[in-house]
Structure formats: structure tokens, C-alpha cells
Amino acid sequence: MFKKENRLTKKKDFDNIFKKGRSVFNKVLGLKVIINDLDINRFGVIVSNKISKRAIERNKIKRRIREVLKKEEPVLKKGYDIVVIALAETKQKEYQDLEQILKEKLSKLALYKG
């Protein structure tokens, strides 16, 4: 779980990101990013019922994605709202695969420092 200030919780924040944010998608994950005018990054993870009807599986996917984001957060540029959207093939992927794909997408959006 992220600290409270690092979480996206409000519907208006999500709507803003979906309307105006940049995005990168593949068959496993999608990322949407927008500048937030704050000194911190805020994250949101979306795993829909289409992925799995079972909450235990959806929560497992969310935990894996959050853990990767926590590990990468110190080397990311500050001041972004980032939403990670799990897609159909996420369910079959292991943690290492998700980590590699997420790092790839973050670098494609130029979110790493230096």
C-alpha cells in the first residue's frame, strides 16, 4: 500500500488523467500519465471484473503492480499522476514479467530520472 499522499483516490483525478493524459498500452498493461503540479507522484491501479470475477485474483494482481511501482518510485521523476490498467493477459503473467513490462512502459513515457 502506498502512503496516503501517493494514492489517487478521487474520481475527478482519474477522469482528468483519462481525458488529458498520455498513454502507452500493450496486451498486458496500460499506463496513463499526466503532470500533477505537486512535488510527489501519485499512483492508481485499475483491475476490472473482466480480468477475473474473483476478488482474490484481482487483488493479487494489484499487489504485484503496486510492489513494482514502490520499487521504481525512488528513480522516477517527481510530479506525475500515474494510472496502471491491467488488461486481459495480466492474469497469466508472473511477477518478474509484470516488473519487466512496467519498467519498459515507464521508460517509454520518459518517467525515469536522468
C-alpha atoms as a PDB file:
ATOM      1  CA  MET A   1       0.000   0.000   0.000  1.00  0.00           C
ATOM      2  CA  PHE A   2       1.224   3.470  -0.823  1.00  0.00           C
ATOM      3  CA  LYS A   3       1.304   6.310   1.650  1.00  0.00           C
ATOM      4  CA  LYS A   4      -1.904   8.304   1.611  1.00  0.00           C
ATOM      5  CA  GLU A   5      -0.351  11.235  -0.277  1.00  0.00           C
ATOM      6  CA  ASN A   6       0.892   8.863  -3.015  1.00  0.00           C
ATOM      7  CA  ARG A   7      -2.551   7.428  -3.816  1.00  0.00           C
ATOM      8  CA  LEU A   8      -5.030   8.547  -6.439  1.00  0.00           C
ATOM      9  CA  THR A   9      -8.468   8.251  -4.873  1.00  0.00           C
ATOM     10  CA  LYS A  10     -10.781  10.890  -6.312  1.00  0.00           C
ATOM     11  CA  LYS A  11     -12.914  10.223  -9.378  1.00  0.00           C
ATOM     12  CA  LYS A  12     -12.107  13.681 -10.777  1.00  0.00           C
ATOM     13  CA  ASP A  13      -8.362  12.846 -10.741  1.00  0.00           C
ATOM     14  CA  PHE A  14      -8.946   9.618 -12.667  1.00  0.00           C
ATOM     15  CA  ASP A  15     -11.275  11.396 -15.117  1.00  0.00           C
ATOM     16  CA  ASN A  16      -8.663  14.101 -15.710  1.00  0.00           C
ATOM     17  CA  ILE A  17      -5.959  11.515 -16.423  1.00  0.00           C
ATOM     18  CA  PHE A  18      -8.191   9.588 -18.827  1.00  0.00           C
ATOM     19  CA  LYS A  19      -9.209  12.781 -20.642  1.00  0.00           C
ATOM     20  CA  LYS A  20      -5.876  14.597 -20.924  1.00  0.00           C
ATOM     21  CA  GLY A  21      -3.094  12.120 -20.091  1.00  0.00           C
ATOM     22  CA  ARG A  22      -0.505  10.478 -22.309  1.00  0.00           C
ATOM     23  CA  SER A  23      -0.783   6.715 -22.612  1.00  0.00           C
ATOM     24  CA  VAL A  24       1.081   3.538 -23.542  1.00  0.00           C
ATOM     25  CA  PHE A  25      -0.616   0.166 -23.924  1.00  0.00           C
ATOM     26  CA  ASN A  26       0.206  -3.423 -24.831  1.00  0.00           C
ATOM     27  CA  LYS A  27      -1.676  -6.706 -24.338  1.00  0.00           C
ATOM     28  CA  VAL A  28      -0.702  -6.946 -20.664  1.00  0.00           C
ATOM     29  CA  LEU A  29      -0.708  -3.427 -19.170  1.00  0.00           C
ATOM     30  CA  GLY A  30      -1.721   0.097 -19.985  1.00  0.00           C
ATOM     31  CA  LEU A  31      -0.288   3.259 -18.451  1.00  0.00           C
ATOM     32  CA  LYS A  32      -1.792   6.730 -18.389  1.00  0.00           C
ATOM     33  CA  VAL A  33       0.277   9.681 -17.150  1.00  0.00           C
ATOM     34  CA  ILE A  34      -0.294  13.381 -16.546  1.00  0.00           C
ATOM     35  CA  ILE A  35       1.681  16.121 -14.774  1.00  0.00           C
ATOM     36  CA  ASN A  36       0.101  16.918 -11.374  1.00  0.00           C
ATOM     37  CA  ASP A  37       1.813  20.192 -10.273  1.00  0.00           C
ATOM     38  CA  LEU A  38       2.785  18.571  -6.957  1.00  0.00           C
ATOM     39  CA  ASP A  39       6.179  17.568  -5.585  1.00  0.00           C
ATOM     40  CA  ILE A  40       5.206  13.888  -5.415  1.00  0.00           C
ATOM     41  CA  ASN A  41       3.991  11.095  -7.662  1.00  0.00           C
ATOM     42  CA  ARG A  42       0.533   9.650  -7.165  1.00  0.00           C
ATOM     43  CA  PHE A  43      -0.471   6.200  -8.354  1.00  0.00           C
ATOM     44  CA  GLY A  44      -3.674   4.368  -9.171  1.00  0.00           C
ATOM     45  CA  VAL A  45      -4.109   0.727 -10.179  1.00  0.00           C
ATOM     46  CA  ILE A  46      -7.188  -0.498 -12.044  1.00  0.00           C
ATOM     47  CA  VAL A  47      -8.064  -4.187 -12.367  1.00  0.00           C
ATOM     48  CA  SER A  48     -11.575  -4.711 -13.694  1.00  0.00           C
ATOM     49  CA  ASN A  49     -14.018  -7.553 -13.224  1.00  0.00           C
ATOM     50  CA  LYS A  50     -13.333  -8.551 -16.835  1.00  0.00           C
ATOM     51  CA  ILE A  51      -9.887  -9.769 -15.762  1.00  0.00           C
ATOM     52  CA  SER A  52     -11.327 -12.088 -13.123  1.00  0.00           C
ATOM     53  CA  LYS A  53     -14.617 -12.393 -11.330  1.00  0.00           C
ATOM     54  CA  ARG A  54     -12.738 -13.449  -8.199  1.00  0.00           C
ATOM     55  CA  ALA A  55     -11.593 -10.601  -5.937  1.00  0.00           C
ATOM     56  CA  ILE A  56      -8.678 -12.664  -4.650  1.00  0.00           C
ATOM     57  CA  GLU A  57      -7.149 -12.795  -8.143  1.00  0.00           C
ATOM     58  CA  ARG A  58      -7.765  -9.114  -8.848  1.00  0.00           C
ATOM     59  CA  ASN A  59      -6.176  -8.139  -5.519  1.00  0.00           C
ATOM     60  CA  LYS A  60      -3.161 -10.347  -6.215  1.00  0.00           C
ATOM     61  CA  ILE A  61      -2.589  -8.508  -9.497  1.00  0.00           C
ATOM     62  CA  LYS A  62      -2.977  -5.138  -7.746  1.00  0.00           C
ATOM     63  CA  ARG A  63      -0.457  -6.101  -5.051  1.00  0.00           C
ATOM     64  CA  ARG A  64       2.099  -7.172  -7.650  1.00  0.00           C
ATOM     65  CA  ILE A  65       1.728  -3.962  -9.657  1.00  0.00           C
ATOM     66  CA  ARG A  66       1.899  -1.791  -6.517  1.00  0.00           C
ATOM     67  CA  GLU A  67       5.054  -3.571  -5.373  1.00  0.00           C
ATOM     68  CA  VAL A  68       6.791  -2.891  -8.699  1.00  0.00           C
ATOM     69  CA  LEU A  69       5.735   0.767  -8.526  1.00  0.00           C
ATOM     70  CA  LYS A  70       7.048   1.047  -4.962  1.00  0.00           C
ATOM     71  CA  LYS A  71      10.428  -0.333  -6.028  1.00  0.00           C
ATOM     72  CA  GLU A  72      10.637   2.020  -9.009  1.00  0.00           C
ATOM     73  CA  GLU A  73       9.268   5.153  -7.290  1.00  0.00           C
ATOM     74  CA  PRO A  74      12.632   6.455  -5.982  1.00  0.00           C
ATOM     75  CA  VAL A  75      14.105   6.579  -9.516  1.00  0.00           C
ATOM     76  CA  LEU A  76      11.059   8.176 -11.171  1.00  0.00           C
ATOM     77  CA  LYS A  77      10.734  11.878 -11.930  1.00  0.00           C
ATOM     78  CA  LYS A  78       8.511  13.697  -9.434  1.00  0.00           C
ATOM     79  CA  GLY A  79       5.234  15.458 -10.144  1.00  0.00           C
ATOM     80  CA  TYR A  80       3.197  12.880 -12.069  1.00  0.00           C
ATOM     81  CA  ASP A  81      -0.123  11.096 -11.666  1.00  0.00           C
ATOM     82  CA  ILE A  82       0.227   7.555 -13.000  1.00  0.00           C
ATOM     83  CA  VAL A  83      -2.592   5.066 -13.563  1.00  0.00           C
ATOM     84  CA  VAL A  84      -1.777   1.444 -14.358  1.00  0.00           C
ATOM     85  CA  ILE A  85      -4.549  -0.502 -16.077  1.00  0.00           C
ATOM     86  CA  ALA A  86      -4.391  -4.280 -16.019  1.00  0.00           C
ATOM     87  CA  LEU A  87      -5.559  -5.917 -19.242  1.00  0.00           C
ATOM     88  CA  ALA A  88      -6.673  -9.442 -20.113  1.00  0.00           C
ATOM     89  CA  GLU A  89      -3.260 -11.137 -20.266  1.00  0.00           C
ATOM     90  CA  THR A  90      -2.099  -9.775 -16.901  1.00  0.00           C
ATOM     91  CA  LYS A  91      -3.669 -12.762 -15.178  1.00  0.00           C
ATOM     92  CA  GLN A  92      -1.238 -15.237 -16.788  1.00  0.00           C
ATOM     93  CA  LYS A  93       1.925 -13.224 -16.050  1.00  0.00           C
ATOM     94  CA  GLU A  94       4.338 -13.800 -13.191  1.00  0.00           C
ATOM     95  CA  TYR A  95       5.747 -11.002 -11.016  1.00  0.00           C
ATOM     96  CA  GLN A  96       9.042 -10.803 -12.962  1.00  0.00           C
ATOM     97  CA  ASP A  97       7.170 -10.425 -16.255  1.00  0.00           C
ATOM     98  CA  LEU A  98       4.977  -7.652 -14.847  1.00  0.00           C
ATOM     99  CA  GLU A  99       8.044  -5.909 -13.443  1.00  0.00           C
ATOM    100  CA  GLN A 100       9.837  -6.003 -16.799  1.00  0.00           C
ATOM    101  CA  ILE A 101       6.787  -4.795 -18.752  1.00  0.00           C
ATOM    102  CA  LEU A 102       6.057  -1.989 -16.291  1.00  0.00           C
ATOM    103  CA  LYS A 103       9.675  -0.767 -16.355  1.00  0.00           C
ATOM    104  CA  GLU A 104       9.561  -0.823 -20.147  1.00  0.00           C
ATOM    105  CA  LYS A 105       6.374   1.260 -20.227  1.00  0.00           C
ATOM    106  CA  LEU A 106       7.686   3.765 -17.662  1.00  0.00           C
ATOM    107  CA  SER A 107      10.858   4.305 -19.683  1.00  0.00           C
ATOM    108  CA  LYS A 108       8.819   4.655 -22.898  1.00  0.00           C
ATOM    109  CA  LEU A 109       6.940   7.540 -21.247  1.00  0.00           C
ATOM    110  CA  ALA A 110      10.324   9.060 -20.175  1.00  0.00           C
ATOM    111  CA  LEU A 111       9.482   8.960 -16.455  1.00  0.00           C
ATOM    112  CA  TYR A 112      12.911   7.887 -15.201  1.00  0.00           C
ATOM    113  CA  LYS A 113      15.376  10.435 -13.825  1.00  0.00           C
ATOM    114  CA  GLY A 114      18.454  11.084 -15.933  1.00  0.00           C
END
